[in-house]
């Protein structure tokens, strides 16, 4: 598998854990701008598919300072969620 596929799987696994097992909501995902575009562009976007899957919104923010394979998740209060 290529690196983009692996990081996308890691992100989706982390979100699945946080949104179902921890029952969190109001999450913000911080990723490299390339991944942010991948998650938010198109119809239906990946982000929209997440909404249909979990019935919870996930905000996606592109961070220019992030390396391609790094990401963080924040809760509704802006605190980083340990993964």
PDB file of N, CA and C in Angstrom:
ATOM      1  N   UNK A   1       0.833  -1.188   0.000  1.00  0.00           N
ATOM      2  CA  UNK A   1       0.000   0.000   0.000  1.00  0.00           C
ATOM      3  C   UNK A   1       0.872   1.244   0.000  1.00  0.00           C
ATOM      4  N   UNK A   2       0.315   2.287  -0.541  1.00  0.00           N
ATOM      5  CA  UNK A   2       1.066   3.541  -0.572  1.00  0.00           C
ATOM      6  C   UNK A   2       0.804   4.347   0.702  1.00  0.00           C
ATOM      7  N   UNK A   3       1.670   5.301   0.962  1.00  0.00           N
ATOM      8  CA  UNK A   3       1.571   6.113   2.174  1.00  0.00           C
ATOM      9  C   UNK A   3       0.234   6.861   2.275  1.00  0.00           C
ATOM     10  N   UNK A   4      -0.296   7.473   1.191  1.00  0.00           N
ATOM     11  CA  UNK A   4      -1.582   8.168   1.322  1.00  0.00           C
ATOM     12  C   UNK A   4      -2.712   7.237   1.775  1.00  0.00           C
ATOM     13  N   UNK A   5      -2.747   6.035   1.259  1.00  0.00           N
ATOM     14  CA  UNK A   5      -3.798   5.102   1.647  1.00  0.00           C
ATOM     15  C   UNK A   5      -3.663   4.746   3.122  1.00  0.00           C
ATOM     16  N   UNK A   6      -2.432   4.557   3.588  1.00  0.00           N
ATOM     17  CA  UNK A   6      -2.210   4.200   4.988  1.00  0.00           C
ATOM     18  C   UNK A   6      -2.629   5.321   5.937  1.00  0.00           C
ATOM     19  N   UNK A   7      -2.286   6.562   5.619  1.00  0.00           N
ATOM     20  CA  UNK A   7      -2.646   7.663   6.513  1.00  0.00           C
ATOM     21  C   UNK A   7      -4.148   7.880   6.506  1.00  0.00           C
ATOM     22  N   UNK A   8      -4.792   7.710   5.367  1.00  0.00           N
ATOM     23  CA  UNK A   8      -6.246   7.851   5.297  1.00  0.00           C
ATOM     24  C   UNK A   8      -6.916   6.774   6.148  1.00  0.00           C
ATOM     25  N   UNK A   9      -6.407   5.546   6.089  1.00  0.00           N
ATOM     26  CA  UNK A   9      -6.941   4.472   6.935  1.00  0.00           C
ATOM     27  C   UNK A   9      -6.722   4.777   8.408  1.00  0.00           C
ATOM     28  N   UNK A  10      -5.550   5.289   8.763  1.00  0.00           N
ATOM     29  CA  UNK A  10      -5.261   5.642  10.161  1.00  0.00           C
ATOM     30  C   UNK A  10      -6.236   6.707  10.660  1.00  0.00           C
ATOM     31  N   UNK A  11      -6.473   7.716   9.836  1.00  0.00           N
ATOM     32  CA  UNK A  11      -7.373   8.805  10.217  1.00  0.00           C
ATOM     33  C   UNK A  11      -8.794   8.269  10.403  1.00  0.00           C
ATOM     34  N   UNK A  12      -9.263   7.467   9.454  1.00  0.00           N
ATOM     35  CA  UNK A  12     -10.624   6.936   9.567  1.00  0.00           C
ATOM     36  C   UNK A  12     -10.771   6.004  10.767  1.00  0.00           C
ATOM     37  N   UNK A  13      -9.744   5.208  11.067  1.00  0.00           N
ATOM     38  CA  UNK A  13      -9.794   4.345  12.246  1.00  0.00           C
ATOM     39  C   UNK A  13      -9.841   5.176  13.528  1.00  0.00           C
ATOM     40  N   UNK A  14      -9.053   6.243  13.580  1.00  0.00           N
ATOM     41  CA  UNK A  14      -9.048   7.120  14.754  1.00  0.00           C
ATOM     42  C   UNK A  14     -10.409   7.795  14.926  1.00  0.00           C
ATOM     43  N   UNK A  15     -10.973   8.295  13.843  1.00  0.00           N
ATOM     44  CA  UNK A  15     -12.283   8.941  13.926  1.00  0.00           C
ATOM     45  C   UNK A  15     -13.358   7.939  14.334  1.00  0.00           C
ATOM     46  N   UNK A  16     -13.307   6.743  13.769  1.00  0.00           N
ATOM     47  CA  UNK A  16     -14.289   5.718  14.136  1.00  0.00           C
ATOM     48  C   UNK A  16     -14.229   5.431  15.635  1.00  0.00           C
ATOM     49  N   UNK A  17     -13.018   5.305  16.159  1.00  0.00           N
ATOM     50  CA  UNK A  17     -12.842   5.055  17.590  1.00  0.00           C
ATOM     51  C   UNK A  17     -13.414   6.206  18.431  1.00  0.00           C
ATOM     52  N   UNK A  18     -13.062   7.442  18.057  1.00  0.00           N
ATOM     53  CA  UNK A  18     -13.482   8.599  18.842  1.00  0.00           C
ATOM     54  C   UNK A  18     -14.982   8.851  18.748  1.00  0.00           C
ATOM     55  N   UNK A  19     -15.561   8.637  17.565  1.00  0.00           N
ATOM     56  CA  UNK A  19     -16.972   8.951  17.364  1.00  0.00           C
ATOM     57  C   UNK A  19     -17.907   7.837  17.819  1.00  0.00           C
ATOM     58  N   UNK A  20     -17.443   6.599  17.848  1.00  0.00           N
ATOM     59  CA  UNK A  20     -18.320   5.505  18.261  1.00  0.00           C
ATOM     60  C   UNK A  20     -17.994   5.029  19.675  1.00  0.00           C
ATOM     61  N   UNK A  21     -16.749   4.639  19.921  1.00  0.00           N
ATOM     62  CA  UNK A  21     -16.384   4.080  21.230  1.00  0.00           C
ATOM     63  C   UNK A  21     -16.364   5.154  22.322  1.00  0.00           C
ATOM     64  N   UNK A  22     -15.830   6.324  22.006  1.00  0.00           N
ATOM     65  CA  UNK A  22     -15.751   7.413  22.992  1.00  0.00           C
ATOM     66  C   UNK A  22     -16.982   8.323  22.922  1.00  0.00           C
ATOM     67  N   UNK A  23     -17.810   8.156  21.879  1.00  0.00           N
ATOM     68  CA  UNK A  23     -19.034   8.941  21.663  1.00  0.00           C
ATOM     69  C   UNK A  23     -18.778  10.442  21.721  1.00  0.00           C
ATOM     70  N   UNK A  24     -17.691  10.874  21.094  1.00  0.00           N
ATOM     71  CA  UNK A  24     -17.354  12.289  21.047  1.00  0.00           C
ATOM     72  C   UNK A  24     -18.074  12.944  19.867  1.00  0.00           C
ATOM     73  N   UNK A  25     -18.192  14.251  19.904  1.00  0.00           N
ATOM     74  CA  UNK A  25     -18.764  14.999  18.784  1.00  0.00           C
ATOM     75  C   UNK A  25     -18.058  16.346  18.709  1.00  0.00           C
ATOM     76  N   UNK A  26     -18.278  17.062  17.610  1.00  0.00           N
ATOM     77  CA  UNK A  26     -17.652  18.367  17.429  1.00  0.00           C
ATOM     78  C   UNK A  26     -16.154  18.293  17.211  1.00  0.00           C
ATOM     79  N   UNK A  27     -15.687  17.219  16.570  1.00  0.00           N
ATOM     80  CA  UNK A  27     -14.254  17.034  16.363  1.00  0.00           C
ATOM     81  C   UNK A  27     -13.736  17.880  15.200  1.00  0.00           C
ATOM     82  N   UNK A  28     -12.482  18.300  15.326  1.00  0.00           N
ATOM     83  CA  UNK A  28     -11.789  19.010  14.253  1.00  0.00           C
ATOM     84  C   UNK A  28     -10.536  18.223  13.906  1.00  0.00           C
ATOM     85  N   UNK A  29     -10.405  17.889  12.632  1.00  0.00           N
ATOM     86  CA  UNK A  29      -9.273  17.136  12.131  1.00  0.00           C
ATOM     87  C   UNK A  29      -8.298  18.101  11.467  1.00  0.00           C
ATOM     88  N   UNK A  30      -7.054  18.133  11.939  1.00  0.00           N
ATOM     89  CA  UNK A  30      -6.013  18.982  11.360  1.00  0.00           C
ATOM     90  C   UNK A  30      -5.071  18.091  10.550  1.00  0.00           C
ATOM     91  N   UNK A  31      -4.943  18.397   9.246  1.00  0.00           N
ATOM     92  CA  UNK A  31      -4.122  17.590   8.340  1.00  0.00           C
ATOM     93  C   UNK A  31      -3.387  18.504   7.366  1.00  0.00           C
ATOM     94  N   UNK A  32      -2.478  17.920   6.616  1.00  0.00           N
ATOM     95  CA  UNK A  32      -1.796  18.620   5.532  1.00  0.00           C
ATOM     96  C   UNK A  32      -2.863  19.116   4.536  1.00  0.00           C
ATOM     97  N   UNK A  33      -2.656  20.275   3.895  1.00  0.00           N
ATOM     98  CA  UNK A  33      -3.655  20.814   2.967  1.00  0.00           C
ATOM     99  C   UNK A  33      -4.050  19.854   1.829  1.00  0.00           C
ATOM    100  N   UNK A  34      -3.133  19.031   1.369  1.00  0.00           N
ATOM    101  CA  UNK A  34      -3.465  18.066   0.317  1.00  0.00           C
ATOM    102  C   UNK A  34      -4.527  17.072   0.812  1.00  0.00           C
ATOM    103  N   UNK A  35      -4.346  16.579   2.031  1.00  0.00           N
ATOM    104  CA  UNK A  35      -5.333  15.654   2.591  1.00  0.00           C
ATOM    105  C   UNK A  35      -6.644  16.361   2.910  1.00  0.00           C
ATOM    106  N   UNK A  36      -6.568  17.612   3.349  1.00  0.00           N
ATOM    107  CA  UNK A  36      -7.790  18.375   3.617  1.00  0.00           C
ATOM    108  C   UNK A  36      -8.620  18.497   2.340  1.00  0.00           C
ATOM    109  N   UNK A  37      -7.959  18.768   1.222  1.00  0.00           N
ATOM    110  CA  UNK A  37      -8.673  18.858  -0.059  1.00  0.00           C
ATOM    111  C   UNK A  37      -9.283  17.506  -0.428  1.00  0.00           C
ATOM    112  N   UNK A  38      -8.541  16.432  -0.217  1.00  0.00           N
ATOM    113  CA  UNK A  38      -9.048  15.098  -0.519  1.00  0.00           C
ATOM    114  C   UNK A  38     -10.323  14.804   0.282  1.00  0.00           C
ATOM    115  N   UNK A  39     -10.336  15.192   1.563  1.00  0.00           N
ATOM    116  CA  UNK A  39     -11.477  14.891   2.423  1.00  0.00           C
ATOM    117  C   UNK A  39     -12.689  15.782   2.153  1.00  0.00           C
ATOM    118  N   UNK A  40     -12.478  16.986   1.612  1.00  0.00           N
ATOM    119  CA  UNK A  40     -13.588  17.939   1.512  1.00  0.00           C
ATOM    120  C   UNK A  40     -14.082  18.227   0.104  1.00  0.00           C
ATOM    121  N   UNK A  41     -13.333  17.865  -0.921  1.00  0.00           N
ATOM    122  CA  UNK A  41     -13.740  18.198  -2.292  1.00  0.00           C
ATOM    123  C   UNK A  41     -14.552  17.062  -2.909  1.00  0.00           C
ATOM    124  N   UNK A  42     -15.339  17.428  -3.920  1.00  0.00           N
ATOM    125  CA  UNK A  42     -16.116  16.431  -4.643  1.00  0.00           C
ATOM    126  C   UNK A  42     -17.484  16.233  -4.024  1.00  0.00           C
ATOM    127  N   UNK A  43     -18.331  15.527  -4.782  1.00  0.00           N
ATOM    128  CA  UNK A  43     -19.667  15.230  -4.270  1.00  0.00           C
ATOM    129  C   UNK A  43     -20.011  13.789  -4.548  1.00  0.00           C
ATOM    130  N   UNK A  44     -20.266  12.997  -3.571  1.00  0.00           N
ATOM    131  CA  UNK A  44     -20.156  13.357  -2.157  1.00  0.00           C
ATOM    132  C   UNK A  44     -18.714  13.317  -1.698  1.00  0.00           C
ATOM    133  N   UNK A  45     -18.359  14.231  -0.838  1.00  0.00           N
ATOM    134  CA  UNK A  45     -16.988  14.273  -0.316  1.00  0.00           C
ATOM    135  C   UNK A  45     -16.805  13.172   0.729  1.00  0.00           C
ATOM    136  N   UNK A  46     -15.573  12.879   1.048  1.00  0.00           N
ATOM    137  CA  UNK A  46     -15.270  11.903   2.088  1.00  0.00           C
ATOM    138  C   UNK A  46     -15.864  12.374   3.415  1.00  0.00           C
ATOM    139  N   UNK A  47     -15.764  13.666   3.673  1.00  0.00           N
ATOM    140  CA  UNK A  47     -16.315  14.226   4.908  1.00  0.00           C
ATOM    141  C   UNK A  47     -17.829  14.018   4.980  1.00  0.00           C
ATOM    142  N   UNK A  48     -18.508  14.168   3.855  1.00  0.00           N
ATOM    143  CA  UNK A  48     -19.948  13.946   3.806  1.00  0.00           C
ATOM    144  C   UNK A  48     -20.275  12.470   4.059  1.00  0.00           C
ATOM    145  N   UNK A  49     -19.436  11.595   3.523  1.00  0.00           N
ATOM    146  CA  UNK A  49     -19.631  10.163   3.776  1.00  0.00           C
ATOM    147  C   UNK A  49     -19.450   9.854   5.250  1.00  0.00           C
ATOM    148  N   UNK A  50     -18.522  10.552   5.926  1.00  0.00           N
ATOM    149  CA  UNK A  50     -18.352  10.374   7.367  1.00  0.00           C
ATOM    150  C   UNK A  50     -19.640  10.748   8.097  1.00  0.00           C
ATOM    151  N   UNK A  51     -20.256  11.858   7.664  1.00  0.00           N
ATOM    152  CA  UNK A  51     -21.515  12.289   8.288  1.00  0.00           C
ATOM    153  C   UNK A  51     -22.569  11.189   8.151  1.00  0.00           C
ATOM    154  N   UNK A  52     -22.687  10.614   6.964  1.00  0.00           N
ATOM    155  CA  UNK A  52     -23.681   9.556   6.757  1.00  0.00           C
ATOM    156  C   UNK A  52     -23.357   8.328   7.609  1.00  0.00           C
ATOM    157  N   UNK A  53     -22.078   8.050   7.780  1.00  0.00           N
ATOM    158  CA  UNK A  53     -21.659   6.863   8.522  1.00  0.00           C
ATOM    159  C   UNK A  53     -21.880   7.007  10.027  1.00  0.00           C
ATOM    160  N   UNK A  54     -21.460   8.165  10.589  1.00  0.00           N
ATOM    161  CA  UNK A  54     -21.488   8.341  12.041  1.00  0.00           C
ATOM    162  C   UNK A  54     -22.563   9.302  12.527  1.00  0.00           C
ATOM    163  N   UNK A  55     -23.201  10.025  11.630  1.00  0.00           N
ATOM    164  CA  UNK A  55     -24.205  11.040  11.985  1.00  0.00           C
ATOM    165  C   UNK A  55     -23.638  12.110  12.914  1.00  0.00           C
ATOM    166  N   UNK A  56     -22.347  12.385  12.737  1.00  0.00           N
ATOM    167  CA  UNK A  56     -21.664  13.430  13.492  1.00  0.00           C
ATOM    168  C   UNK A  56     -20.744  14.180  12.540  1.00  0.00           C
ATOM    169  N   UNK A  57     -20.676  15.477  12.724  1.00  0.00           N
ATOM    170  CA  UNK A  57     -19.863  16.318  11.857  1.00  0.00           C
ATOM    171  C   UNK A  57     -18.399  16.317  12.294  1.00  0.00           C
ATOM    172  N   UNK A  58     -17.513  16.315  11.313  1.00  0.00           N
ATOM    173  CA  UNK A  58     -16.080  16.432  11.557  1.00  0.00           C
ATOM    174  C   UNK A  58     -15.579  17.602  10.710  1.00  0.00           C
ATOM    175  N   UNK A  59     -15.048  18.611  11.361  1.00  0.00           N
ATOM    176  CA  UNK A  59     -14.476  19.756  10.646  1.00  0.00           C
ATOM    177  C   UNK A  59     -13.066  19.387  10.209  1.00  0.00           C
ATOM    178  N   UNK A  60     -12.721  19.712   8.955  1.00  0.00           N
ATOM    179  CA  UNK A  60     -11.388  19.407   8.424  1.00  0.00           C
ATOM    180  C   UNK A  60     -10.651  20.722   8.173  1.00  0.00           C
ATOM    181  N   UNK A  61      -9.460  20.841   8.743  1.00  0.00           N
ATOM    182  CA  UNK A  61      -8.654  22.062   8.606  1.00  0.00           C
ATOM    183  C   UNK A  61      -7.305  21.688   7.996  1.00  0.00           C
ATOM    184  N   UNK A  62      -6.949  22.363   6.910  1.00  0.00           N
ATOM    185  CA  UNK A  62      -5.641  22.173   6.301  1.00  0.00           C
ATOM    186  C   UNK A  62      -4.597  23.027   7.003  1.00  0.00           C
ATOM    187  N   UNK A  63      -3.537  22.390   7.445  1.00  0.00           N
ATOM    188  CA  UNK A  63      -2.455  23.088   8.160  1.00  0.00           C
ATOM    189  C   UNK A  63      -1.189  23.024   7.311  1.00  0.00           C
ATOM    190  N   UNK A  64      -0.750  24.169   6.798  1.00  0.00           N
ATOM    191  CA  UNK A  64       0.427  24.219   5.946  1.00  0.00           C
ATOM    192  C   UNK A  64       1.707  23.773   6.625  1.00  0.00           C
ATOM    193  N   UNK A  65       1.753  23.844   7.945  1.00  0.00           N
ATOM    194  CA  UNK A  65       2.966  23.473   8.668  1.00  0.00           C
ATOM    195  C   UNK A  65       3.035  21.968   8.964  1.00  0.00           C
ATOM    196  N   UNK A  66       1.964  21.243   8.690  1.00  0.00           N
ATOM    197  CA  UNK A  66       1.943  19.805   8.981  1.00  0.00           C
ATOM    198  C   UNK A  66       2.675  19.025   7.903  1.00  0.00           C
ATOM    199  N   UNK A  67       3.391  17.991   8.340  1.00  0.00           N
ATOM    200  CA  UNK A  67       3.987  17.074   7.375  1.00  0.00           C
ATOM    201  C   UNK A  67       2.870  16.255   6.757  1.00  0.00           C
ATOM    202  N   UNK A  68       3.144  15.705   5.596  1.00  0.00           N
ATOM    203  CA  UNK A  68       2.121  15.004   4.824  1.00  0.00           C
ATOM    204  C   UNK A  68       1.461  13.874   5.609  1.00  0.00           C
ATOM    205  N   UNK A  69       2.211  13.144   6.419  1.00  0.00           N
ATOM    206  CA  UNK A  69       1.677  11.974   7.104  1.00  0.00           C
ATOM    207  C   UNK A  69       1.330  12.223   8.574  1.00  0.00           C
ATOM    208  N   UNK A  70       1.175  13.475   8.957  1.00  0.00           N
ATOM    209  CA  UNK A  70       0.821  13.762  10.346  1.00  0.00           C
ATOM    210  C   UNK A  70      -0.580  14.358  10.414  1.00  0.00           C
ATOM    211  N   UNK A  71      -1.247  14.108  11.537  1.00  0.00           N
ATOM    212  CA  UNK A  71      -2.570  14.678  11.752  1.00  0.00           C
ATOM    213  C   UNK A  71      -2.836  14.751  13.250  1.00  0.00           C
ATOM    214  N   UNK A  72      -3.740  15.640  13.633  1.00  0.00           N
ATOM    215  CA  UNK A  72      -4.193  15.733  15.013  1.00  0.00           C
ATOM    216  C   UNK A  72      -5.710  15.909  15.000  1.00  0.00           C
ATOM    217  N   UNK A  73      -6.317  15.555  16.114  1.00  0.00           N
ATOM    218  CA  UNK A  73      -7.757  15.717  16.282  1.00  0.00           C
ATOM    219  C   UNK A  73      -7.985  16.534  17.543  1.00  0.00           C
ATOM    220  N   UNK A  74      -8.885  17.520  17.440  1.00  0.00           N
ATOM    221  CA  UNK A  74      -9.243  18.329  18.603  1.00  0.00           C
ATOM    222  C   UNK A  74     -10.711  18.109  18.934  1.00  0.00           C
ATOM    223  N   UNK A  75     -11.024  18.213  20.216  1.00  0.00           N
ATOM    224  CA  UNK A  75     -12.425  18.108  20.639  1.00  0.00           C
ATOM    225  C   UNK A  75     -13.118  19.453  20.451  1.00  0.00           C
ATOM    226  N   UNK A  76     -14.376  19.531  20.836  1.00  0.00           N
ATOM    227  CA  UNK A  76     -15.152  20.751  20.655  1.00  0.00           C
ATOM    228  C   UNK A  76     -14.599  21.947  21.402  1.00  0.00           C
ATOM    229  N   UNK A  77     -13.850  21.704  22.480  1.00  0.00           N
ATOM    230  CA  UNK A  77     -13.266  22.789  23.268  1.00  0.00           C
ATOM    231  C   UNK A  77     -11.905  23.222  22.752  1.00  0.00           C
ATOM    232  N   UNK A  78     -11.418  22.575  21.683  1.00  0.00           N
ATOM    233  CA  UNK A  78     -10.121  22.932  21.108  1.00  0.00           C
ATOM    234  C   UNK A  78      -8.944  22.224  21.733  1.00  0.00           C
ATOM    235  N   UNK A  79      -9.199  21.226  22.556  1.00  0.00           N
ATOM    236  CA  UNK A  79      -8.124  20.455  23.177  1.00  0.00           C
ATOM    237  C   UNK A  79      -7.743  19.286  22.280  1.00  0.00           C
ATOM    238  N   UNK A  80      -6.443  19.057  22.146  1.00  0.00           N
ATOM    239  CA  UNK A  80      -5.992  17.935  21.324  1.00  0.00           C
ATOM    240  C   UNK A  80      -6.374  16.617  21.993  1.00  0.00           C
ATOM    241  N   UNK A  81      -6.919  15.717  21.185  1.00  0.00           N
ATOM    242  CA  UNK A  81      -7.354  14.404  21.680  1.00  0.00           C
ATOM    243  C   UNK A  81      -6.221  13.415  21.496  1.00  0.00           C
ATOM    244  N   UNK A  82      -5.775  12.768  22.566  1.00  0.00           N
ATOM    245  CA  UNK A  82      -4.722  11.758  22.405  1.00  0.00           C
ATOM    246  C   UNK A  82      -5.255  10.540  21.665  1.00  0.00           C
ATOM    247  N   UNK A  83      -4.463  10.052  20.725  1.00  0.00           N
ATOM    248  CA  UNK A  83      -4.896   8.896  19.932  1.00  0.00           C
ATOM    249  C   UNK A  83      -4.107   7.658  20.280  1.00  0.00           C
TER     250      UNK A  83
END
